Amino acid sequence: MTTTTTRPGVRRALTDRGATGRLVRAALVDAVGTGLFRSAFVVYLLTHTGLSSGEVLLGLSVAAVCGLVCSVPISALGDRYPPVRLLGVLHAWRALWFCAYPFVTGFGGYLAVAVLTGIADRVASPVLQSAIGSVAPAGDRVVVMGVVRAVRNVGFTVGALTATGALALGWDQVVPLGNSASFAAAAVLVWLVPIVRCGQPERGRVSRTAVLRDRRYLLLAAVNGVLAMYLTVLSVGLPLWVTTHTAVDGAYVPLLISGNMVLAVLFQPVVASRVRSLRHAANCCLGSGLALAATCACLAVSATPALWLAITALVLAVATHTLGELLHSAGAWEISYDLAPPARRSVYLGVFNLGVVGQDIVGPSAMALCVTAGTLGWLTLGGVFALAGAAVVGLTRPLARAPARRNED
């Protein structure tokens, strides 16, 4: 691969014939299948396996906990083997096990498949980030991650629309098998990526357990998990709140979420391209915390009986949520890259991702409490978001003032 310093956009990344382009295209293919499955898997399971809704949710919770436990050990393999190859193995693993869903007939089989696919799902994100870090120049890594996020949102949308059509036509088995096929295609694309390292030093210069003694990095991972709770605000908190506490018809929730996805596709690469240093990244996280606090305030206001004010508040909530999401993603990528020793980048990124995995587990319960508490709940959550953003600035300030970046490739 010929390395270039041109900061890639979506079109350039998708047409690039080098390592970066193949990873971006693999992410798009993966996202189409993932969007297909996630938008219809509950309906599929309840219809074809005889499981109850409680059993489905229990399986997802167990899979999430197993993913939390296995995330760091599996991610650490990317420091022993090329992370692009590890990513290819994870894609192939998921392609294999999603094929098993049509044969699931009871809770035991479902739990096994959910855990085996769920572990790979939780690990794939930090491994993909490590893979991009291993093939992209330091100045392009965050931008490429922004492009990946943009194309994945496109893929999720295409997959969700495909699922709607498949269920309407009675082609229910397309849900798991289509996802399996997408992972198989993504595995092929990833395995075609050449092993290229952009200035990465020899392995083994940093202790494998160094991340466990890096209290600053661990604290940043925890704070990152708090900020990442915006994911659950959009997927759980907003729908629950609109349908139970506002005068707005719940049928408009998909429209609000679609608006968020469109804005993310359009502006994530743009925001990511503005992050050039650790200080910029920390300021992005602070801005994210404040924007998410504004989101919570808008949601609190939306409980008004005045329909026009409720709609206005919800639209503003989606706009500020999207801003917070874009700023957080760009800032978190840069911080996690910048403070991870290149020789142990994969395990560090795996640890940083634990905050996001943790919020996946506790986030839905936190949203239920927040919605139940009403206005006070949203204002409290907004304060937590603002404090988390300020904490990132405080934790990174000593390093941001240093004359050189701590771990430059």
Protein backbone atom coordinates (compact mmCIF):
# COMPACT_ATOMS: atom_id res chain seq x y z
CA MET A 1 0.00 0.00 0.00
CA THR A 2 1.28 3.44 -0.90
CA THR A 3 0.80 5.68 2.10
CA THR A 4 -0.62 9.14 1.50
CA THR A 5 -1.02 12.10 3.79
CA THR A 6 -4.22 13.23 2.11
CA ARG A 7 -6.97 13.13 4.70
CA PRO A 8 -9.49 10.66 3.23
CA GLY A 9 -13.16 11.33 2.74
CA VAL A 10 -15.94 8.79 2.28
CA ARG A 11 -15.67 8.57 -1.49
CA ARG A 12 -11.87 8.39 -1.49
CA ALA A 13 -11.85 5.72 1.21
CA LEU A 14 -14.46 3.57 -0.54
CA THR A 15 -12.57 3.65 -3.85
CA ASP A 16 -9.09 3.27 -2.37
CA ARG A 17 -7.53 0.00 -3.53
CA GLY A 18 -5.15 -0.17 -0.61
CA ALA A 19 -5.46 -1.53 2.91
CA THR A 20 -7.55 1.36 4.23
CA GLY A 21 -10.09 1.11 1.42
CA ARG A 22 -10.55 -2.62 1.91
CA LEU A 23 -11.16 -2.16 5.64
CA VAL A 24 -13.74 0.55 4.97
CA ARG A 25 -15.54 -1.58 2.40
CA ALA A 26 -15.49 -4.56 4.76
CA ALA A 27 -17.04 -2.36 7.46
CA LEU A 28 -19.81 -1.34 5.05
CA VAL A 29 -20.59 -4.95 4.09
CA ASP A 30 -20.52 -6.01 7.74
CA ALA A 31 -22.92 -3.18 8.67
CA VAL A 32 -25.50 -4.15 6.04
CA GLY A 33 -25.76 -7.63 7.52
CA THR A 34 -25.69 -6.32 11.08
CA GLY A 35 -28.47 -3.84 10.35
CA LEU A 36 -30.48 -6.62 8.73
CA PHE A 37 -30.16 -8.85 11.79
CA ARG A 38 -30.48 -6.29 14.59
CA SER A 39 -33.63 -4.76 13.19
CA ALA A 40 -35.47 -8.09 12.92
CA PHE A 41 -33.78 -10.68 15.14
CA VAL A 42 -36.30 -10.37 18.00
CA VAL A 43 -39.20 -10.98 15.62
CA TYR A 44 -37.28 -13.83 14.02
CA LEU A 45 -36.46 -15.53 17.33
CA LEU A 46 -39.95 -15.20 18.76
CA THR A 47 -41.44 -16.58 15.55
CA HIS A 48 -39.09 -19.46 14.74
CA THR A 49 -37.58 -20.71 18.01
CA GLY A 50 -40.47 -20.74 20.44
CA LEU A 51 -38.52 -18.56 22.88
CA SER A 52 -40.24 -16.08 25.16
CA SER A 53 -39.26 -12.42 25.17
CA GLY A 54 -37.72 -12.92 28.63
CA GLU A 55 -35.51 -15.73 27.33
CA VAL A 56 -34.38 -13.60 24.39
CA LEU A 57 -33.41 -10.72 26.67
CA LEU A 58 -31.66 -13.06 29.12
CA GLY A 59 -29.59 -14.52 26.32
CA LEU A 60 -28.55 -11.06 25.18
CA SER A 61 -27.54 -10.12 28.74
CA VAL A 62 -25.45 -13.29 29.19
CA ALA A 63 -23.78 -12.71 25.82
CA ALA A 64 -22.97 -9.12 26.82
CA VAL A 65 -21.34 -10.24 30.08
CA CYS A 66 -19.31 -12.93 28.28
CA GLY A 67 -18.22 -10.30 25.76
CA LEU A 68 -17.09 -8.05 28.60
CA VAL A 69 -15.00 -10.84 30.12
CA CYS A 70 -13.43 -11.95 26.84
CA SER A 71 -12.93 -8.54 25.22
CA VAL A 72 -9.46 -7.73 26.52
CA PRO A 73 -7.85 -11.21 26.24
CA ILE A 74 -8.99 -11.60 22.63
CA SER A 75 -8.08 -8.01 21.72
CA ALA A 76 -4.60 -8.60 23.14
CA LEU A 77 -4.00 -11.20 20.43
CA GLY A 78 -3.70 -8.25 18.04
CA ASP A 79 -0.38 -7.44 19.73
CA ARG A 80 0.97 -10.92 18.90
CA TYR A 81 -0.54 -11.33 15.46
CA PRO A 82 -1.48 -8.79 12.76
CA PRO A 83 -4.78 -7.19 13.89
CA VAL A 84 -6.14 -7.28 10.34
CA ARG A 85 -5.81 -11.07 10.40
CA LEU A 86 -7.49 -11.27 13.80
CA LEU A 87 -10.35 -9.16 12.41
CA GLY A 88 -10.69 -11.57 9.49
CA VAL A 89 -10.92 -14.51 11.90
CA LEU A 90 -13.64 -12.73 13.91
CA HIS A 91 -15.66 -12.09 10.75
CA ALA A 92 -15.32 -15.73 9.66
CA TRP A 93 -16.28 -16.91 13.17
CA ARG A 94 -19.48 -14.85 13.09
CA ALA A 95 -20.28 -16.00 9.55
CA LEU A 96 -20.10 -19.60 10.80
CA TRP A 97 -22.26 -19.21 13.91
CA PHE A 98 -24.96 -17.01 12.44
CA CYS A 99 -25.64 -19.90 10.07
CA ALA A 100 -26.64 -21.91 13.15
CA TYR A 101 -29.66 -19.74 14.00
CA PRO A 102 -32.06 -21.58 11.64
CA PHE A 103 -31.33 -24.75 13.62
CA VAL A 104 -32.03 -23.25 17.07
CA THR A 105 -35.10 -24.83 18.67
CA GLY A 106 -34.73 -24.07 22.38
CA PHE A 107 -33.15 -21.79 24.95
CA GLY A 108 -29.96 -23.84 25.33
CA GLY A 109 -29.14 -23.69 21.64
CA TYR A 110 -30.04 -20.02 21.45
CA LEU A 111 -27.87 -19.18 24.45
CA ALA A 112 -24.87 -20.99 22.95
CA VAL A 113 -25.18 -19.23 19.59
CA ALA A 114 -25.86 -15.85 21.23
CA VAL A 115 -22.74 -16.15 23.38
CA LEU A 116 -20.49 -17.39 20.56
CA THR A 117 -21.57 -14.59 18.23
CA GLY A 118 -21.82 -11.99 20.98
CA ILE A 119 -18.21 -12.41 22.11
CA ALA A 120 -16.98 -11.75 18.59
CA ASP A 121 -19.36 -8.79 18.25
CA ARG A 122 -17.96 -7.14 21.39
CA VAL A 123 -14.33 -7.70 20.41
CA ALA A 124 -14.64 -6.66 16.77
CA SER A 125 -14.81 -2.91 17.45
CA PRO A 126 -11.43 -2.49 19.22
CA VAL A 127 -9.82 -4.99 16.83
CA LEU A 128 -11.04 -2.96 13.84
CA GLN A 129 -9.67 0.20 15.44
CA SER A 130 -6.34 -1.54 16.02
CA ALA A 131 -6.32 -2.79 12.43
CA ILE A 132 -6.85 0.74 11.12
CA GLY A 133 -4.11 1.98 13.44
CA SER A 134 -1.73 -0.59 11.99
CA VAL A 135 -2.25 0.36 8.32
CA ALA A 136 -3.14 4.08 8.37
CA PRO A 137 -0.70 6.93 9.06
CA ALA A 138 -1.03 8.52 12.50
CA GLY A 139 -2.56 11.69 11.02
CA ASP A 140 -5.27 9.74 9.19
CA ARG A 141 -6.38 7.22 11.81
CA VAL A 142 -9.18 9.27 13.39
CA VAL A 143 -10.45 10.41 9.99
CA VAL A 144 -10.59 6.82 8.73
CA MET A 145 -12.51 5.84 11.86
CA GLY A 146 -14.92 8.68 11.08
CA VAL A 147 -15.37 7.37 7.55
CA VAL A 148 -15.96 3.87 8.90
CA ARG A 149 -18.63 5.17 11.26
CA ALA A 150 -20.32 7.05 8.41
CA VAL A 151 -20.43 4.08 6.04
CA ARG A 152 -21.59 1.79 8.84
CA ASN A 153 -24.59 4.06 9.44
CA VAL A 154 -25.39 3.75 5.74
CA GLY A 155 -25.03 -0.01 5.98
CA PHE A 156 -27.29 -0.22 9.04
CA THR A 157 -29.99 1.71 7.19
CA VAL A 158 -29.76 -0.50 4.09
CA GLY A 159 -29.85 -3.60 6.27
CA ALA A 160 -32.90 -2.41 8.21
CA LEU A 161 -34.79 -1.67 4.99
CA THR A 162 -33.83 -5.09 3.64
CA ALA A 163 -35.12 -6.75 6.81
CA THR A 164 -38.44 -4.94 6.46
CA GLY A 165 -38.84 -6.26 2.93
CA ALA A 166 -37.74 -9.79 3.85
CA LEU A 167 -40.23 -10.06 6.72
CA ALA A 168 -43.02 -8.63 4.59
CA LEU A 169 -42.38 -11.29 1.92
CA GLY A 170 -42.10 -14.09 4.46
CA TRP A 171 -38.39 -14.66 3.78
CA ASP A 172 -37.56 -14.77 7.48
CA GLN A 173 -34.44 -16.94 7.10
CA VAL A 174 -32.81 -14.09 5.21
CA VAL A 175 -32.36 -12.39 8.61
CA PRO A 176 -29.65 -14.71 10.04
CA LEU A 177 -28.33 -16.08 6.75
CA GLY A 178 -27.98 -12.64 5.19
CA ASN A 179 -25.97 -11.53 8.20
CA SER A 180 -23.81 -14.64 7.89
CA ALA A 181 -23.19 -13.92 4.21
CA SER A 182 -22.19 -10.33 4.99
CA PHE A 183 -19.62 -11.49 7.53
CA ALA A 184 -18.25 -14.04 5.06
CA ALA A 185 -17.83 -11.31 2.44
CA ALA A 186 -16.25 -8.98 5.01
CA ALA A 187 -13.83 -11.75 6.02
CA VAL A 188 -12.69 -12.13 2.42
CA LEU A 189 -12.16 -8.38 2.05
CA VAL A 190 -10.17 -8.20 5.29
CA TRP A 191 -8.01 -11.19 4.40
CA LEU A 192 -7.05 -9.38 1.18
CA VAL A 193 -5.61 -6.49 3.19
CA PRO A 194 -1.81 -6.50 2.99
CA ILE A 195 0.11 -6.46 6.25
CA VAL A 196 1.48 -2.92 6.37
CA ARG A 197 2.72 -1.19 9.50
CA CYS A 198 3.04 2.59 9.51
CA GLY A 199 6.11 3.04 11.67
CA GLN A 200 4.95 0.67 14.40
CA PRO A 201 7.85 -0.50 16.61
CA GLU A 202 8.81 -4.05 17.39
CA ARG A 203 6.48 -5.95 19.67
CA GLY A 204 7.28 -6.62 23.30
CA ARG A 205 8.77 -3.30 24.46
CA VAL A 206 5.86 -2.68 26.83
CA SER A 207 4.70 -5.10 29.52
CA ARG A 208 1.52 -6.97 28.67
CA THR A 209 0.05 -5.92 32.02
CA ALA A 210 1.14 -2.27 31.74
CA VAL A 211 -2.40 -1.18 30.93
CA LEU A 212 -3.61 -2.49 34.31
CA ARG A 213 -1.16 -0.12 36.03
CA ASP A 214 -2.03 2.84 33.81
CA ARG A 215 -4.60 4.41 36.13
CA ARG A 216 -5.09 7.44 33.92
CA TYR A 217 -5.99 5.27 30.94
CA LEU A 218 -8.32 3.11 33.04
CA LEU A 219 -10.09 6.20 34.37
CA LEU A 220 -10.44 7.57 30.84
CA ALA A 221 -11.92 4.23 29.74
CA ALA A 222 -14.49 4.46 32.54
CA VAL A 223 -15.38 8.08 31.75
CA ASN A 224 -15.61 7.17 28.08
CA GLY A 225 -18.20 4.57 29.00
CA VAL A 226 -20.27 7.24 30.74
CA LEU A 227 -20.20 9.50 27.68
CA ALA A 228 -21.00 6.49 25.46
CA MET A 229 -24.32 6.15 27.24
CA TYR A 230 -25.69 8.40 24.49
CA LEU A 231 -26.03 5.13 22.54
CA THR A 232 -28.64 3.87 25.00
CA VAL A 233 -30.29 7.29 25.27
CA LEU A 234 -31.10 7.10 21.55
CA SER A 235 -32.03 3.41 21.32
CA VAL A 236 -33.85 2.98 24.66
CA GLY A 237 -34.35 6.25 26.53
CA LEU A 238 -35.80 8.32 23.68
CA PRO A 239 -38.38 5.73 22.53
CA LEU A 240 -39.49 5.02 26.11
CA TRP A 241 -39.78 8.72 26.95
CA VAL A 242 -41.65 9.72 23.81
CA THR A 243 -44.21 6.94 24.12
CA THR A 244 -44.84 7.30 27.86
CA HIS A 245 -44.26 10.96 28.79
CA THR A 246 -44.90 13.17 25.76
CA ALA A 247 -47.85 14.20 23.61
CA VAL A 248 -45.97 13.08 20.47
CA ASP A 249 -47.09 9.91 18.70
CA GLY A 250 -44.56 7.10 19.17
CA ALA A 251 -44.73 6.43 15.43
CA TYR A 252 -42.43 9.45 14.96
CA VAL A 253 -39.58 7.85 16.92
CA PRO A 254 -38.09 6.07 13.86
CA LEU A 255 -38.13 9.38 12.01
CA LEU A 256 -36.19 11.06 14.82
CA ILE A 257 -33.64 8.23 14.92
CA SER A 258 -33.31 8.32 11.12
CA GLY A 259 -32.51 12.03 11.36
CA ASN A 260 -29.70 11.22 13.75
CA MET A 261 -28.30 8.60 11.37
CA VAL A 262 -28.41 10.93 8.36
CA LEU A 263 -26.58 13.68 10.25
CA ALA A 264 -23.98 11.19 11.46
CA VAL A 265 -23.31 9.98 7.92
CA LEU A 266 -22.92 13.53 6.62
CA PHE A 267 -20.80 15.05 9.37
CA GLN A 268 -18.80 12.36 11.21
CA PRO A 269 -15.83 12.46 8.80
CA VAL A 270 -15.90 16.27 8.86
CA VAL A 271 -15.78 16.42 12.65
CA ALA A 272 -13.11 13.72 12.83
CA SER A 273 -10.88 15.64 10.40
CA ARG A 274 -10.75 18.57 12.84
CA VAL A 275 -9.13 16.52 15.61
CA ARG A 276 -5.36 16.92 15.30
CA SER A 277 -4.06 16.55 18.87
CA LEU A 278 -4.78 15.22 22.33
CA ARG A 279 -5.92 18.68 23.43
CA HIS A 280 -8.39 18.88 20.55
CA ALA A 281 -9.69 15.43 21.47
CA ALA A 282 -10.21 16.37 25.12
CA ASN A 283 -12.05 19.54 24.11
CA CYS A 284 -14.25 17.43 21.83
CA CYS A 285 -15.19 15.22 24.79
CA LEU A 286 -15.98 18.30 26.88
CA GLY A 287 -18.16 19.64 24.07
CA SER A 288 -19.78 16.23 23.82
CA GLY A 289 -20.65 16.20 27.51
CA LEU A 290 -22.20 19.67 27.27
CA ALA A 291 -24.13 18.81 24.11
CA LEU A 292 -25.49 15.64 25.71
CA ALA A 293 -26.47 17.63 28.78
CA ALA A 294 -28.44 19.91 26.46
CA THR A 295 -30.06 16.80 24.96
CA CYS A 296 -31.25 15.72 28.39
CA ALA A 297 -32.63 19.20 29.07
CA CYS A 298 -34.54 19.15 25.77
CA LEU A 299 -35.99 15.73 26.58
CA ALA A 300 -37.14 17.04 29.95
CA VAL A 301 -38.87 19.99 28.24
CA SER A 302 -40.55 17.67 25.71
CA ALA A 303 -42.88 16.38 28.46
CA THR A 304 -44.94 19.57 28.03
CA PRO A 305 -48.59 19.09 26.98
CA ALA A 306 -48.09 21.64 24.18
CA LEU A 307 -47.58 19.49 21.08
CA TRP A 308 -45.63 22.09 19.09
CA LEU A 309 -43.21 22.67 21.95
CA ALA A 310 -42.79 18.94 22.52
CA ILE A 311 -41.93 18.37 18.85
CA THR A 312 -39.51 21.30 18.82
CA ALA A 313 -37.80 20.03 21.97
CA LEU A 314 -37.44 16.52 20.52
CA VAL A 315 -35.96 17.82 17.27
CA LEU A 316 -33.47 19.90 19.25
CA ALA A 317 -32.73 16.86 21.42
CA VAL A 318 -31.83 14.81 18.35
CA ALA A 319 -29.68 17.64 16.95
CA THR A 320 -27.71 18.13 20.18
CA HIS A 321 -27.48 14.37 20.68
CA THR A 322 -25.96 14.00 17.23
CA LEU A 323 -23.47 16.79 17.95
CA GLY A 324 -22.49 15.10 21.20
CA GLU A 325 -22.17 11.75 19.44
CA LEU A 326 -19.92 13.12 16.68
CA LEU A 327 -17.68 15.02 19.10
CA HIS A 328 -17.38 12.07 21.47
CA SER A 329 -16.49 9.58 18.76
CA ALA A 330 -13.74 11.73 17.27
CA GLY A 331 -12.32 12.66 20.67
CA ALA A 332 -12.41 9.11 22.05
CA TRP A 333 -10.68 7.67 18.99
CA GLU A 334 -7.83 10.16 19.22
CA ILE A 335 -7.39 9.71 22.99
CA SER A 336 -7.42 5.93 22.81
CA TYR A 337 -4.86 5.95 19.98
CA ASP A 338 -2.66 8.70 21.40
CA LEU A 339 -2.26 7.23 24.88
CA ALA A 340 -1.82 3.60 23.81
CA PRO A 341 1.80 2.44 23.40
CA PRO A 342 2.02 1.22 19.78
CA ALA A 343 3.65 -2.04 20.90
CA ARG A 344 0.55 -2.82 23.01
CA ARG A 345 -2.04 -0.89 21.06
CA SER A 346 -4.53 -3.75 20.71
CA VAL A 347 -4.78 -4.59 24.40
CA TYR A 348 -5.01 -0.89 25.31
CA LEU A 349 -7.82 -0.37 22.81
CA GLY A 350 -9.54 -3.46 24.17
CA VAL A 351 -9.42 -2.00 27.68
CA PHE A 352 -10.65 1.38 26.44
CA ASN A 353 -13.61 -0.36 24.82
CA LEU A 354 -14.63 -1.91 28.15
CA GLY A 355 -16.40 1.31 29.10
CA VAL A 356 -18.63 1.04 26.03
CA VAL A 357 -19.31 -2.66 26.68
CA GLY A 358 -20.13 -1.85 30.30
CA GLN A 359 -22.67 0.78 29.33
CA ASP A 360 -24.27 -1.75 26.99
CA ILE A 361 -24.94 -3.86 30.08
CA VAL A 362 -26.05 -1.20 32.59
CA GLY A 363 -27.36 1.40 30.14
CA PRO A 364 -30.87 0.00 29.58
CA SER A 365 -31.50 -0.24 33.34
CA ALA A 366 -30.14 3.29 33.82
CA MET A 367 -32.48 4.55 31.10
CA ALA A 368 -35.45 2.85 32.76
CA LEU A 369 -34.62 4.61 36.04
CA CYS A 370 -34.12 7.92 34.25
CA VAL A 371 -37.47 7.72 32.44
CA THR A 372 -39.24 6.68 35.64
CA ALA A 373 -37.75 9.66 37.50
CA GLY A 374 -39.03 12.00 34.80
CA THR A 375 -37.62 15.53 34.52
CA LEU A 376 -35.35 15.07 37.53
CA GLY A 377 -33.92 11.94 35.98
CA TRP A 378 -33.00 13.68 32.72
CA LEU A 379 -31.49 16.68 34.47
CA THR A 380 -29.41 14.37 36.68
CA LEU A 381 -28.17 12.43 33.66
CA GLY A 382 -27.35 15.71 31.92
CA GLY A 383 -25.20 16.74 34.86
CA VAL A 384 -23.41 13.38 34.72
CA PHE A 385 -22.65 13.89 31.01
CA ALA A 386 -21.25 17.38 31.65
CA LEU A 387 -19.06 16.17 34.52
CA ALA A 388 -17.77 13.28 32.41
CA GLY A 389 -16.72 15.65 29.63
CA ALA A 390 -14.94 17.89 32.13
CA ALA A 391 -13.22 14.84 33.64
CA VAL A 392 -11.67 13.96 30.28
CA VAL A 393 -10.11 17.42 30.07
CA GLY A 394 -8.77 17.12 33.61
CA LEU A 395 -7.29 13.67 33.04
CA THR A 396 -5.59 14.56 29.76
CA ARG A 397 -4.44 18.12 30.56
CA PRO A 398 -0.99 17.15 31.95
CA LEU A 399 -0.28 15.04 28.87
CA ALA A 400 -1.72 17.59 26.43
CA ARG A 401 0.71 20.20 27.79
CA ALA A 402 3.70 17.95 27.05
CA PRO A 403 5.92 19.14 24.18
CA ALA A 404 5.44 15.88 22.28
CA ARG A 405 2.75 13.29 22.07
CA ARG A 406 3.20 10.43 24.46
CA ASN A 407 3.03 7.59 21.94
CA GLU A 408 3.60 8.85 18.44
CA ASP A 409 4.07 6.17 15.79
